[in-house]
Amino acid sequence: MRQILAFGDSNTWGLIPGTYPQQRYPWKVRWTSLLQEKYDDEVRIVEEGLCGRTTVFEDELRPGRKGVSSLEYITESHYPLDAVILMLGTNDCKTSYNVSAHTIGKGIERCLNELEKHISADNILLVSPISLGEEVWKPEKDPEFDSESVEKSKELKEIYRTIARKHGTKFLAASDYVKASDIDDEHMDEEGHRIFADTVYEKLAPILA
């Protein structure tokens, strides 16, 4: 059976916008499950989304969110992998980390370097995440972000595109196809998950051909 690892944060996990405690879209709604259903039984989507996951930064309030630290054992656990979808960077924009979009790019490169120990670069789909909405920082949404976070999230597209070109990975800008729900300005709604699944499926076609 061919395996595709989907490694990301809450938008890979399938968080329902505006829910607290966090609730997850069910199977047949979240994009990873919709992608799975596009393949026959010879392909398995390995869902590895985690709320709050970053590229390289440690969350002092929620341990285990540093993405690069978990990639080694996750890739080993699911060996062998035929493709990887890597989508991180949104949480890195939080004010607590106080880093630039350029530094976030360095973080995603460390993740790529770890992945490339286990899988060829041309079998990796690097995804720049959706942009944060303009009012994500409001108290009723997610005050862990601010207005600068919004601008950083928009900058990731071109930074990741350059990194993908450097490493020889496939590239997808999620913000070209879907946007954050108006409910929380951070997560995809049901329609966004459907569109994103269709888009990822098309981008993966050359890898799985």
N, C-alpha and C. Protein backbone atom coordinates (compact mmCIF):
# COMPACT_ATOMS: atom_id res chain seq x y z
N MET A 1 0.85 -1.20 0.00
CA MET A 1 0.00 0.00 0.00
C MET A 1 0.89 1.25 0.00
N ARG A 2 0.57 2.19 -0.88
CA ARG A 2 1.31 3.46 -0.92
C ARG A 2 0.78 4.37 0.19
N GLN A 3 1.70 5.11 0.79
CA GLN A 3 1.33 5.97 1.92
C GLN A 3 1.74 7.41 1.68
N ILE A 4 0.84 8.34 2.04
CA ILE A 4 1.09 9.77 1.95
C ILE A 4 0.91 10.36 3.33
N LEU A 5 1.96 10.99 3.84
CA LEU A 5 1.90 11.65 5.15
C LEU A 5 1.42 13.08 5.00
N ALA A 6 0.36 13.43 5.73
CA ALA A 6 -0.12 14.81 5.79
C ALA A 6 0.28 15.37 7.14
N PHE A 7 1.32 16.20 7.16
CA PHE A 7 1.91 16.70 8.40
C PHE A 7 1.64 18.19 8.52
N GLY A 8 0.87 18.56 9.55
CA GLY A 8 0.50 19.97 9.67
C GLY A 8 -0.03 20.32 11.05
N ASP A 9 -0.81 21.40 11.09
CA ASP A 9 -1.33 21.91 12.35
C ASP A 9 -2.85 21.72 12.40
N SER A 10 -3.56 22.68 12.99
CA SER A 10 -5.01 22.52 13.19
C SER A 10 -5.79 22.50 11.89
N ASN A 11 -5.27 23.12 10.82
CA ASN A 11 -5.97 23.06 9.54
C ASN A 11 -5.79 21.72 8.85
N THR A 12 -4.83 20.93 9.30
CA THR A 12 -4.70 19.54 8.85
C THR A 12 -5.49 18.62 9.77
N TRP A 13 -5.50 18.95 11.05
CA TRP A 13 -6.29 18.19 12.02
C TRP A 13 -7.78 18.31 11.72
N GLY A 14 -8.19 19.49 11.23
CA GLY A 14 -9.60 19.69 10.87
C GLY A 14 -10.41 20.45 11.89
N LEU A 15 -9.81 21.44 12.55
CA LEU A 15 -10.52 22.19 13.58
C LEU A 15 -11.70 22.97 13.00
N ILE A 16 -12.84 22.87 13.66
CA ILE A 16 -14.03 23.61 13.24
C ILE A 16 -13.89 25.05 13.70
N PRO A 17 -13.96 26.02 12.80
CA PRO A 17 -13.74 27.43 13.16
C PRO A 17 -14.60 27.89 14.32
N GLY A 18 -13.97 28.57 15.26
CA GLY A 18 -14.70 29.19 16.35
C GLY A 18 -15.07 28.28 17.50
N THR A 19 -14.68 27.00 17.47
CA THR A 19 -15.05 26.09 18.54
C THR A 19 -14.04 26.12 19.68
N TYR A 20 -14.54 26.14 20.90
CA TYR A 20 -13.70 26.06 22.08
C TYR A 20 -14.51 25.44 23.20
N PRO A 21 -14.11 24.29 23.78
CA PRO A 21 -12.92 23.53 23.38
C PRO A 21 -12.94 23.15 21.90
N GLN A 22 -11.77 22.86 21.38
CA GLN A 22 -11.62 22.58 19.95
C GLN A 22 -12.41 21.35 19.53
N GLN A 23 -13.16 21.52 18.46
CA GLN A 23 -13.89 20.40 17.88
C GLN A 23 -13.39 20.16 16.47
N ARG A 24 -13.48 18.90 16.04
CA ARG A 24 -12.89 18.48 14.78
C ARG A 24 -13.96 18.13 13.76
N TYR A 25 -13.75 18.58 12.51
CA TYR A 25 -14.63 18.13 11.44
C TYR A 25 -14.56 16.62 11.32
N PRO A 26 -15.69 15.96 11.08
CA PRO A 26 -15.68 14.50 10.99
C PRO A 26 -15.12 14.01 9.66
N TRP A 27 -14.94 12.71 9.59
CA TRP A 27 -14.58 12.07 8.34
C TRP A 27 -15.61 12.44 7.28
N LYS A 28 -15.17 12.58 6.06
CA LYS A 28 -15.96 13.01 4.91
C LYS A 28 -16.13 14.53 4.86
N VAL A 29 -15.53 15.25 5.82
CA VAL A 29 -15.57 16.71 5.79
C VAL A 29 -14.16 17.29 5.76
N ARG A 30 -13.29 16.84 6.66
CA ARG A 30 -11.92 17.39 6.69
C ARG A 30 -11.15 16.95 5.43
N TRP A 31 -10.25 17.81 4.98
CA TRP A 31 -9.62 17.61 3.68
C TRP A 31 -8.81 16.33 3.58
N THR A 32 -8.20 15.91 4.67
CA THR A 32 -7.41 14.68 4.62
C THR A 32 -8.28 13.47 4.31
N SER A 33 -9.48 13.45 4.87
CA SER A 33 -10.39 12.32 4.61
C SER A 33 -10.96 12.40 3.19
N LEU A 34 -11.25 13.61 2.73
CA LEU A 34 -11.74 13.76 1.36
C LEU A 34 -10.67 13.34 0.35
N LEU A 35 -9.41 13.65 0.68
CA LEU A 35 -8.31 13.22 -0.18
C LEU A 35 -8.21 11.70 -0.18
N GLN A 36 -8.33 11.09 0.98
CA GLN A 36 -8.28 9.63 1.08
C GLN A 36 -9.33 8.98 0.18
N GLU A 37 -10.52 9.54 0.17
CA GLU A 37 -11.61 8.93 -0.58
C GLU A 37 -11.46 9.07 -2.09
N LYS A 38 -10.51 9.90 -2.53
CA LYS A 38 -10.25 10.03 -3.96
C LYS A 38 -9.37 8.89 -4.49
N TYR A 39 -8.72 8.19 -3.58
CA TYR A 39 -7.83 7.10 -3.98
C TYR A 39 -8.50 5.75 -3.72
N ASP A 40 -8.00 4.74 -4.40
CA ASP A 40 -8.49 3.39 -4.12
C ASP A 40 -7.77 2.86 -2.88
N ASP A 41 -7.95 1.58 -2.61
CA ASP A 41 -7.39 1.00 -1.40
C ASP A 41 -5.87 0.85 -1.44
N GLU A 42 -5.26 1.24 -2.54
CA GLU A 42 -3.81 1.10 -2.64
C GLU A 42 -3.06 2.33 -2.09
N VAL A 43 -3.81 3.37 -1.72
CA VAL A 43 -3.19 4.59 -1.16
C VAL A 43 -3.81 4.88 0.20
N ARG A 44 -2.96 5.19 1.17
CA ARG A 44 -3.43 5.52 2.52
C ARG A 44 -2.91 6.90 2.89
N ILE A 45 -3.82 7.78 3.34
CA ILE A 45 -3.42 9.08 3.84
C ILE A 45 -3.18 8.97 5.34
N VAL A 46 -1.95 9.27 5.75
CA VAL A 46 -1.60 9.23 7.17
C VAL A 46 -1.85 10.62 7.75
N GLU A 47 -2.89 10.75 8.58
CA GLU A 47 -3.27 12.05 9.15
C GLU A 47 -2.39 12.37 10.35
N GLU A 48 -1.56 13.39 10.23
CA GLU A 48 -0.70 13.83 11.34
C GLU A 48 -0.82 15.34 11.52
N GLY A 49 -2.04 15.77 11.81
CA GLY A 49 -2.29 17.17 12.13
C GLY A 49 -2.33 17.34 13.64
N LEU A 50 -1.79 18.44 14.14
CA LEU A 50 -1.80 18.70 15.58
C LEU A 50 -2.03 20.19 15.81
N CYS A 51 -3.03 20.50 16.61
CA CYS A 51 -3.34 21.90 16.91
C CYS A 51 -2.15 22.57 17.60
N GLY A 52 -1.80 23.76 17.13
CA GLY A 52 -0.71 24.51 17.73
C GLY A 52 0.67 24.14 17.24
N ARG A 53 0.78 23.18 16.34
CA ARG A 53 2.10 22.75 15.89
C ARG A 53 2.83 23.86 15.13
N THR A 54 4.11 24.02 15.44
CA THR A 54 4.98 24.99 14.77
C THR A 54 6.04 24.25 13.96
N THR A 55 6.89 25.01 13.31
CA THR A 55 8.01 24.39 12.60
C THR A 55 9.09 23.98 13.60
N VAL A 56 9.63 24.96 14.34
CA VAL A 56 10.77 24.67 15.23
C VAL A 56 10.63 25.30 16.62
N PHE A 57 9.51 25.94 16.89
CA PHE A 57 9.37 26.67 18.14
C PHE A 57 8.61 25.86 19.19
N GLU A 58 9.09 25.97 20.44
CA GLU A 58 8.48 25.24 21.54
C GLU A 58 7.39 26.09 22.19
N ASP A 59 6.20 25.52 22.32
CA ASP A 59 5.09 26.19 23.00
C ASP A 59 5.20 25.91 24.50
N GLU A 60 5.44 26.95 25.29
CA GLU A 60 5.64 26.77 26.72
C GLU A 60 4.37 26.31 27.43
N LEU A 61 3.22 26.54 26.83
CA LEU A 61 1.96 26.15 27.46
C LEU A 61 1.47 24.79 27.01
N ARG A 62 1.86 24.39 25.78
CA ARG A 62 1.43 23.09 25.25
C ARG A 62 2.65 22.35 24.70
N PRO A 63 3.20 21.41 25.45
CA PRO A 63 4.40 20.71 25.00
C PRO A 63 4.13 19.82 23.79
N GLY A 64 5.20 19.52 23.06
CA GLY A 64 5.11 18.59 21.94
C GLY A 64 4.66 19.20 20.64
N ARG A 65 4.66 20.54 20.55
CA ARG A 65 4.17 21.20 19.33
C ARG A 65 5.29 21.54 18.34
N LYS A 66 6.54 21.27 18.68
CA LYS A 66 7.68 21.60 17.83
C LYS A 66 7.79 20.56 16.71
N GLY A 67 7.35 20.93 15.52
CA GLY A 67 7.20 19.98 14.44
C GLY A 67 8.46 19.21 14.07
N VAL A 68 9.58 19.91 13.97
CA VAL A 68 10.80 19.25 13.52
C VAL A 68 11.22 18.14 14.47
N SER A 69 10.88 18.25 15.74
CA SER A 69 11.27 17.24 16.73
C SER A 69 10.50 15.94 16.59
N SER A 70 9.29 16.00 16.03
CA SER A 70 8.48 14.79 15.91
C SER A 70 8.58 14.12 14.54
N LEU A 71 9.18 14.82 13.58
CA LEU A 71 9.24 14.26 12.23
C LEU A 71 10.04 12.97 12.16
N GLU A 72 11.13 12.90 12.93
CA GLU A 72 11.99 11.72 12.85
C GLU A 72 11.23 10.45 13.22
N TYR A 73 10.53 10.48 14.37
CA TYR A 73 9.85 9.25 14.78
C TYR A 73 8.55 9.01 14.00
N ILE A 74 7.92 10.08 13.52
CA ILE A 74 6.71 9.89 12.71
C ILE A 74 7.04 9.26 11.37
N THR A 75 8.11 9.73 10.73
CA THR A 75 8.50 9.12 9.45
C THR A 75 8.94 7.69 9.63
N GLU A 76 9.60 7.40 10.75
CA GLU A 76 10.02 6.02 11.01
C GLU A 76 8.80 5.15 11.31
N SER A 77 7.86 5.67 12.07
CA SER A 77 6.67 4.91 12.43
C SER A 77 5.85 4.51 11.20
N HIS A 78 5.80 5.39 10.21
CA HIS A 78 4.97 5.14 9.04
C HIS A 78 5.79 4.71 7.81
N TYR A 79 7.01 4.30 8.03
CA TYR A 79 7.88 3.85 6.94
C TYR A 79 7.26 2.65 6.21
N PRO A 80 7.35 2.59 4.86
CA PRO A 80 7.90 3.63 3.97
C PRO A 80 6.83 4.62 3.53
N LEU A 81 7.25 5.82 3.23
CA LEU A 81 6.34 6.86 2.74
C LEU A 81 6.60 7.11 1.26
N ASP A 82 5.53 7.28 0.50
CA ASP A 82 5.66 7.56 -0.94
C ASP A 82 5.57 9.05 -1.23
N ALA A 83 4.96 9.81 -0.32
CA ALA A 83 4.85 11.26 -0.49
C ALA A 83 4.56 11.89 0.86
N VAL A 84 4.91 13.17 0.98
CA VAL A 84 4.63 13.93 2.20
C VAL A 84 4.03 15.28 1.82
N ILE A 85 2.96 15.66 2.51
CA ILE A 85 2.37 16.99 2.39
C ILE A 85 2.77 17.74 3.67
N LEU A 86 3.53 18.80 3.52
CA LEU A 86 4.03 19.55 4.67
C LEU A 86 3.41 20.95 4.68
N MET A 87 2.58 21.23 5.68
CA MET A 87 1.93 22.54 5.76
C MET A 87 1.99 23.05 7.20
N LEU A 88 2.96 23.90 7.46
CA LEU A 88 3.14 24.53 8.77
C LEU A 88 3.53 25.99 8.59
N GLY A 89 3.43 26.76 9.67
CA GLY A 89 3.86 28.16 9.63
C GLY A 89 2.87 29.13 10.25
N THR A 90 1.59 28.77 10.27
CA THR A 90 0.59 29.68 10.84
C THR A 90 0.86 29.97 12.31
N ASN A 91 1.08 28.93 13.11
CA ASN A 91 1.30 29.13 14.54
C ASN A 91 2.61 29.86 14.83
N ASP A 92 3.58 29.75 13.92
CA ASP A 92 4.84 30.45 14.08
C ASP A 92 4.65 31.97 14.06
N CYS A 93 3.51 32.41 13.50
CA CYS A 93 3.20 33.84 13.42
C CYS A 93 2.69 34.43 14.73
N LYS A 94 2.51 33.62 15.75
CA LYS A 94 1.99 34.11 17.03
C LYS A 94 2.96 35.10 17.66
N THR A 95 2.41 36.02 18.40
CA THR A 95 3.23 37.07 19.02
C THR A 95 4.24 36.51 20.02
N SER A 96 3.93 35.39 20.64
CA SER A 96 4.82 34.83 21.66
C SER A 96 6.16 34.40 21.10
N TYR A 97 6.20 34.06 19.80
CA TYR A 97 7.46 33.64 19.20
C TYR A 97 8.27 34.82 18.68
N ASN A 98 7.58 35.90 18.32
CA ASN A 98 8.24 37.15 17.95
C ASN A 98 9.34 36.95 16.88
N VAL A 99 8.98 36.26 15.81
CA VAL A 99 9.96 36.02 14.74
C VAL A 99 9.40 36.55 13.41
N SER A 100 10.29 36.78 12.47
CA SER A 100 9.90 37.29 11.14
C SER A 100 9.46 36.14 10.24
N ALA A 101 8.82 36.51 9.14
CA ALA A 101 8.44 35.50 8.14
C ALA A 101 9.69 34.81 7.59
N HIS A 102 10.77 35.56 7.47
CA HIS A 102 12.03 34.98 6.99
C HIS A 102 12.51 33.88 7.94
N THR A 103 12.40 34.11 9.24
CA THR A 103 12.81 33.12 10.23
C THR A 103 11.89 31.90 10.20
N ILE A 104 10.61 32.13 9.99
CA ILE A 104 9.67 31.02 9.85
C ILE A 104 10.08 30.16 8.66
N GLY A 105 10.53 30.80 7.59
CA GLY A 105 11.02 30.08 6.43
C GLY A 105 12.20 29.19 6.79
N LYS A 106 13.10 29.68 7.63
CA LYS A 106 14.23 28.87 8.08
C LYS A 106 13.74 27.66 8.87
N GLY A 107 12.66 27.86 9.61
CA GLY A 107 12.08 26.75 10.37
C GLY A 107 11.52 25.68 9.46
N ILE A 108 10.82 26.08 8.40
CA ILE A 108 10.26 25.08 7.48
C ILE A 108 11.38 24.37 6.73
N GLU A 109 12.50 25.06 6.51
CA GLU A 109 13.64 24.41 5.87
C GLU A 109 14.21 23.32 6.77
N ARG A 110 14.25 23.55 8.08
CA ARG A 110 14.72 22.51 8.98
C ARG A 110 13.82 21.28 8.92
N CYS A 111 12.53 21.51 8.78
CA CYS A 111 11.59 20.39 8.63
C CYS A 111 11.86 19.64 7.33
N LEU A 112 12.10 20.38 6.27
CA LEU A 112 12.41 19.74 4.99
C LEU A 112 13.70 18.94 5.08
N ASN A 113 14.69 19.50 5.74
CA ASN A 113 15.96 18.78 5.88
C ASN A 113 15.78 17.46 6.60
N GLU A 114 14.91 17.45 7.60
CA GLU A 114 14.63 16.20 8.32
C GLU A 114 13.88 15.22 7.43
N LEU A 115 12.90 15.70 6.70
CA LEU A 115 12.13 14.83 5.81
C LEU A 115 13.01 14.22 4.73
N GLU A 116 13.93 15.01 4.21
CA GLU A 116 14.76 14.55 3.10
C GLU A 116 15.74 13.46 3.51
N LYS A 117 15.84 13.18 4.80
CA LYS A 117 16.62 12.03 5.26
C LYS A 117 15.88 10.73 4.98
N HIS A 118 14.57 10.84 4.76
CA HIS A 118 13.73 9.66 4.65
C HIS A 118 12.99 9.55 3.32
N ILE A 119 12.91 10.65 2.57
CA ILE A 119 12.14 10.64 1.33
C ILE A 119 12.73 11.65 0.36
N SER A 120 12.67 11.35 -0.90
CA SER A 120 13.22 12.24 -1.92
C SER A 120 12.47 13.57 -1.93
N ALA A 121 13.22 14.66 -2.16
CA ALA A 121 12.62 16.00 -2.15
C ALA A 121 11.50 16.13 -3.17
N ASP A 122 11.63 15.48 -4.32
CA ASP A 122 10.60 15.63 -5.35
C ASP A 122 9.33 14.84 -5.03
N ASN A 123 9.33 14.14 -3.90
CA ASN A 123 8.12 13.47 -3.43
C ASN A 123 7.48 14.21 -2.26
N ILE A 124 7.95 15.44 -2.02
CA ILE A 124 7.40 16.28 -0.96
C ILE A 124 6.61 17.43 -1.58
N LEU A 125 5.41 17.65 -1.07
CA LEU A 125 4.61 18.81 -1.46
C LEU A 125 4.67 19.82 -0.32
N LEU A 126 5.41 20.90 -0.52
CA LEU A 126 5.49 21.97 0.47
C LEU A 126 4.33 22.94 0.25
N VAL A 127 3.55 23.16 1.29
CA VAL A 127 2.37 24.01 1.19
C VAL A 127 2.55 25.24 2.08
N SER A 128 2.46 26.42 1.50
CA SER A 128 2.39 27.63 2.32
C SER A 128 0.94 27.76 2.80
N PRO A 129 0.73 28.00 4.09
CA PRO A 129 -0.63 27.96 4.65
C PRO A 129 -1.51 29.12 4.20
N ILE A 130 -2.79 28.99 4.49
CA ILE A 130 -3.72 30.08 4.21
C ILE A 130 -3.32 31.30 5.04
N SER A 131 -3.65 32.47 4.55
CA SER A 131 -3.35 33.70 5.28
C SER A 131 -4.33 33.87 6.44
N LEU A 132 -3.85 34.45 7.51
CA LEU A 132 -4.73 34.80 8.62
C LEU A 132 -5.65 35.94 8.19
N GLY A 133 -6.88 35.92 8.69
CA GLY A 133 -7.81 37.00 8.40
C GLY A 133 -7.43 38.29 9.12
N GLU A 134 -7.91 39.40 8.61
CA GLU A 134 -7.51 40.70 9.12
C GLU A 134 -7.88 40.96 10.58
N GLU A 135 -8.89 40.24 11.10
CA GLU A 135 -9.33 40.49 12.47
C GLU A 135 -9.11 39.28 13.39
N VAL A 136 -8.15 38.43 13.03
CA VAL A 136 -7.89 37.22 13.82
C VAL A 136 -7.49 37.54 15.25
N TRP A 137 -6.89 38.70 15.47
CA TRP A 137 -6.35 39.09 16.78
C TRP A 137 -7.41 39.53 17.78
N LYS A 138 -8.66 39.69 17.36
CA LYS A 138 -9.70 40.17 18.27
C LYS A 138 -9.93 39.18 19.42
N PRO A 139 -10.34 39.69 20.58
CA PRO A 139 -10.51 38.83 21.77
C PRO A 139 -11.43 37.64 21.54
N GLU A 140 -12.46 37.81 20.73
CA GLU A 140 -13.40 36.71 20.50
C GLU A 140 -12.88 35.72 19.46
N LYS A 141 -11.73 36.01 18.86
CA LYS A 141 -11.15 35.09 17.86
C LYS A 141 -9.88 34.47 18.44
N ASP A 142 -8.70 34.96 18.09
CA ASP A 142 -7.47 34.37 18.63
C ASP A 142 -6.46 35.47 18.94
N PRO A 143 -6.50 36.01 20.15
CA PRO A 143 -5.60 37.10 20.52
C PRO A 143 -4.13 36.68 20.69
N GLU A 144 -3.81 35.41 20.42
CA GLU A 144 -2.40 35.01 20.38
C GLU A 144 -1.70 35.61 19.16
N PHE A 145 -2.50 36.13 18.23
CA PHE A 145 -1.97 36.81 17.04
C PHE A 145 -2.20 38.31 17.17
N ASP A 146 -1.53 39.09 16.31
CA ASP A 146 -1.80 40.51 16.21
C ASP A 146 -1.77 40.92 14.74
N SER A 147 -1.86 42.21 14.46
CA SER A 147 -1.90 42.66 13.06
C SER A 147 -0.62 42.31 12.31
N GLU A 148 0.51 42.31 13.01
CA GLU A 148 1.77 41.92 12.36
C GLU A 148 1.76 40.45 11.98
N SER A 149 1.09 39.64 12.77
CA SER A 149 0.97 38.21 12.46
C SER A 149 0.28 38.01 11.12
N VAL A 150 -0.74 38.83 10.88
CA VAL A 150 -1.49 38.74 9.62
C VAL A 150 -0.55 39.00 8.44
N GLU A 151 0.26 40.04 8.55
CA GLU A 151 1.18 40.37 7.45
C GLU A 151 2.24 39.29 7.26
N LYS A 152 2.73 38.73 8.35
CA LYS A 152 3.71 37.65 8.25
C LYS A 152 3.11 36.45 7.51
N SER A 153 1.88 36.12 7.83
CA SER A 153 1.24 34.96 7.19
C SER A 153 1.13 35.15 5.69
N LYS A 154 0.94 36.39 5.26
CA LYS A 154 0.84 36.68 3.83
C LYS A 154 2.20 36.56 3.14
N GLU A 155 3.27 36.85 3.87
CA GLU A 155 4.61 36.81 3.30
C GLU A 155 5.12 35.38 3.07
N LEU A 156 4.53 34.42 3.76
CA LEU A 156 5.03 33.05 3.70
C LEU A 156 4.93 32.44 2.30
N LYS A 157 3.96 32.87 1.53
CA LYS A 157 3.77 32.30 0.20
C LYS A 157 5.04 32.39 -0.65
N GLU A 158 5.58 33.58 -0.80
CA GLU A 158 6.76 33.75 -1.66
C GLU A 158 8.02 33.17 -1.01
N ILE A 159 8.10 33.25 0.30
CA ILE A 159 9.25 32.67 1.00
C ILE A 159 9.27 31.16 0.80
N TYR A 160 8.13 30.50 0.95
CA TYR A 160 8.06 29.05 0.78
C TYR A 160 8.28 28.66 -0.69
N ARG A 161 7.79 29.49 -1.60
CA ARG A 161 7.99 29.19 -3.03
C ARG A 161 9.50 29.14 -3.34
N THR A 162 10.23 30.09 -2.79
CA THR A 162 11.68 30.13 -3.01
C THR A 162 12.35 28.91 -2.39
N ILE A 163 11.92 28.53 -1.21
CA ILE A 163 12.48 27.36 -0.53
C ILE A 163 12.19 26.08 -1.31
N ALA A 164 10.97 25.96 -1.82
CA ALA A 164 10.61 24.78 -2.61
C ALA A 164 11.49 24.67 -3.85
N ARG A 165 11.73 25.80 -4.49
CA ARG A 165 12.58 25.82 -5.68
C ARG A 165 14.01 25.39 -5.31
N LYS A 166 14.49 25.87 -4.19
CA LYS A 166 15.85 25.55 -3.73
C LYS A 166 16.00 24.05 -3.44
N HIS A 167 14.99 23.47 -2.80
CA HIS A 167 15.07 22.06 -2.40
C HIS A 167 14.61 21.10 -3.49
N GLY A 168 13.90 21.60 -4.47
CA GLY A 168 13.38 20.72 -5.51
C GLY A 168 12.12 19.99 -5.12
N THR A 169 11.35 20.58 -4.19
CA THR A 169 10.07 19.99 -3.81
C THR A 169 8.95 20.55 -4.68
N LYS A 170 7.80 19.89 -4.67
CA LYS A 170 6.61 20.46 -5.27
C LYS A 170 6.12 21.59 -4.34
N PHE A 171 5.35 22.52 -4.90
CA PHE A 171 4.89 23.65 -4.10
C PHE A 171 3.42 23.96 -4.36
N LEU A 172 2.72 24.33 -3.30
CA LEU A 172 1.33 24.75 -3.39
C LEU A 172 1.10 25.90 -2.42
N ALA A 173 0.55 27.00 -2.89
CA ALA A 173 0.16 28.12 -2.03
C ALA A 173 -1.32 27.96 -1.69
N ALA A 174 -1.61 27.53 -0.48
CA ALA A 174 -3.01 27.31 -0.09
C ALA A 174 -3.83 28.57 -0.22
N SER A 175 -3.21 29.72 0.04
CA SER A 175 -3.92 31.00 -0.01
C SER A 175 -4.39 31.37 -1.40
N ASP A 176 -3.87 30.70 -2.43
CA ASP A 176 -4.34 30.95 -3.79
C ASP A 176 -5.70 30.30 -4.05
N TYR A 177 -6.11 29.39 -3.19
CA TYR A 177 -7.32 28.61 -3.44
C TYR A 177 -8.37 28.73 -2.33
N VAL A 178 -7.92 28.87 -1.09
CA VAL A 178 -8.86 28.91 0.03
C VAL A 178 -8.48 30.01 1.01
N LYS A 179 -9.44 30.41 1.85
CA LYS A 179 -9.18 31.44 2.85
C LYS A 179 -9.74 31.01 4.19
N ALA A 180 -9.33 31.72 5.21
CA ALA A 180 -9.82 31.43 6.56
C ALA A 180 -11.29 31.83 6.69
N SER A 181 -12.01 31.07 7.48
CA SER A 181 -13.41 31.38 7.75
C SER A 181 -13.54 32.73 8.45
N ASP A 182 -14.61 33.46 8.14
CA ASP A 182 -14.87 34.73 8.81
C ASP A 182 -15.18 34.53 10.29
N ILE A 183 -15.50 33.31 10.67
CA ILE A 183 -15.85 33.04 12.07
C ILE A 183 -14.66 33.29 12.98
N ASP A 184 -13.47 32.77 12.57
CA ASP A 184 -12.30 32.95 13.44
C ASP A 184 -11.07 33.50 12.71
N ASP A 185 -11.18 33.72 11.40
CA ASP A 185 -10.08 34.27 10.60
C ASP A 185 -8.80 33.43 10.67
N GLU A 186 -8.96 32.13 10.93
CA GLU A 186 -7.79 31.27 11.13
C GLU A 186 -7.92 29.90 10.48
N HIS A 187 -9.13 29.36 10.44
CA HIS A 187 -9.32 27.99 9.98
C HIS A 187 -10.26 27.89 8.78
N MET A 188 -10.05 26.87 7.98
CA MET A 188 -10.90 26.63 6.81
C MET A 188 -12.28 26.14 7.23
N ASP A 189 -13.29 26.56 6.47
CA ASP A 189 -14.64 26.03 6.68
C ASP A 189 -14.82 24.77 5.83
N GLU A 190 -16.02 24.21 5.83
CA GLU A 190 -16.26 22.95 5.12
C GLU A 190 -15.98 23.09 3.63
N GLU A 191 -16.39 24.18 3.03
CA GLU A 191 -16.13 24.40 1.61
C GLU A 191 -14.64 24.52 1.34
N GLY A 192 -13.93 25.17 2.25
CA GLY A 192 -12.49 25.30 2.10
C GLY A 192 -11.81 23.94 2.12
N HIS A 193 -12.26 23.06 3.01
CA HIS A 193 -11.69 21.71 3.07
C HIS A 193 -11.93 20.96 1.76
N ARG A 194 -13.11 21.12 1.19
CA ARG A 194 -13.41 20.42 -0.07
C ARG A 194 -12.52 20.93 -1.20
N ILE A 195 -12.42 22.25 -1.31
CA ILE A 195 -11.59 22.83 -2.37
C ILE A 195 -10.12 22.45 -2.18
N PHE A 196 -9.67 22.49 -0.94
CA PHE A 196 -8.26 22.18 -0.67
C PHE A 196 -7.95 20.73 -1.00
N ALA A 197 -8.85 19.82 -0.67
CA ALA A 197 -8.65 18.40 -1.01
C ALA A 197 -8.51 18.22 -2.51
N ASP A 198 -9.36 18.89 -3.29
CA ASP A 198 -9.29 18.79 -4.75
C ASP A 198 -7.96 19.33 -5.26
N THR A 199 -7.52 20.42 -4.68
CA THR A 199 -6.28 21.06 -5.12
C THR A 199 -5.06 20.20 -4.81
N VAL A 200 -5.00 19.67 -3.60
CA VAL A 200 -3.88 18.80 -3.21
C VAL A 200 -3.85 17.55 -4.09
N TYR A 201 -5.01 17.00 -4.36
CA TYR A 201 -5.09 15.81 -5.22
C TYR A 201 -4.45 16.07 -6.58
N GLU A 202 -4.74 17.21 -7.17
CA GLU A 202 -4.15 17.55 -8.46
C GLU A 202 -2.64 17.74 -8.36
N LYS A 203 -2.17 18.35 -7.27
CA LYS A 203 -0.74 18.60 -7.09
C LYS A 203 0.03 17.31 -6.84
N LEU A 204 -0.63 16.32 -6.25
CA LEU A 204 0.04 15.06 -5.97
C LEU A 204 0.11 14.12 -7.17
N ALA A 205 -0.72 14.38 -8.18
CA ALA A 205 -0.80 13.49 -9.33
C ALA A 205 0.57 13.19 -9.95
N PRO A 206 1.43 14.19 -10.20
CA PRO A 206 2.74 13.88 -10.79
C PRO A 206 3.62 13.02 -9.89
N ILE A 207 3.46 13.16 -8.59
CA ILE A 207 4.27 12.37 -7.65
C ILE A 207 3.87 10.90 -7.69
N LEU A 208 2.58 10.66 -7.78
CA LEU A 208 2.07 9.28 -7.70
C LEU A 208 1.94 8.62 -9.07
N ALA A 209 2.23 9.36 -10.12
CA ALA A 209 2.07 8.80 -11.48
C ALA A 209 2.99 7.59 -11.69
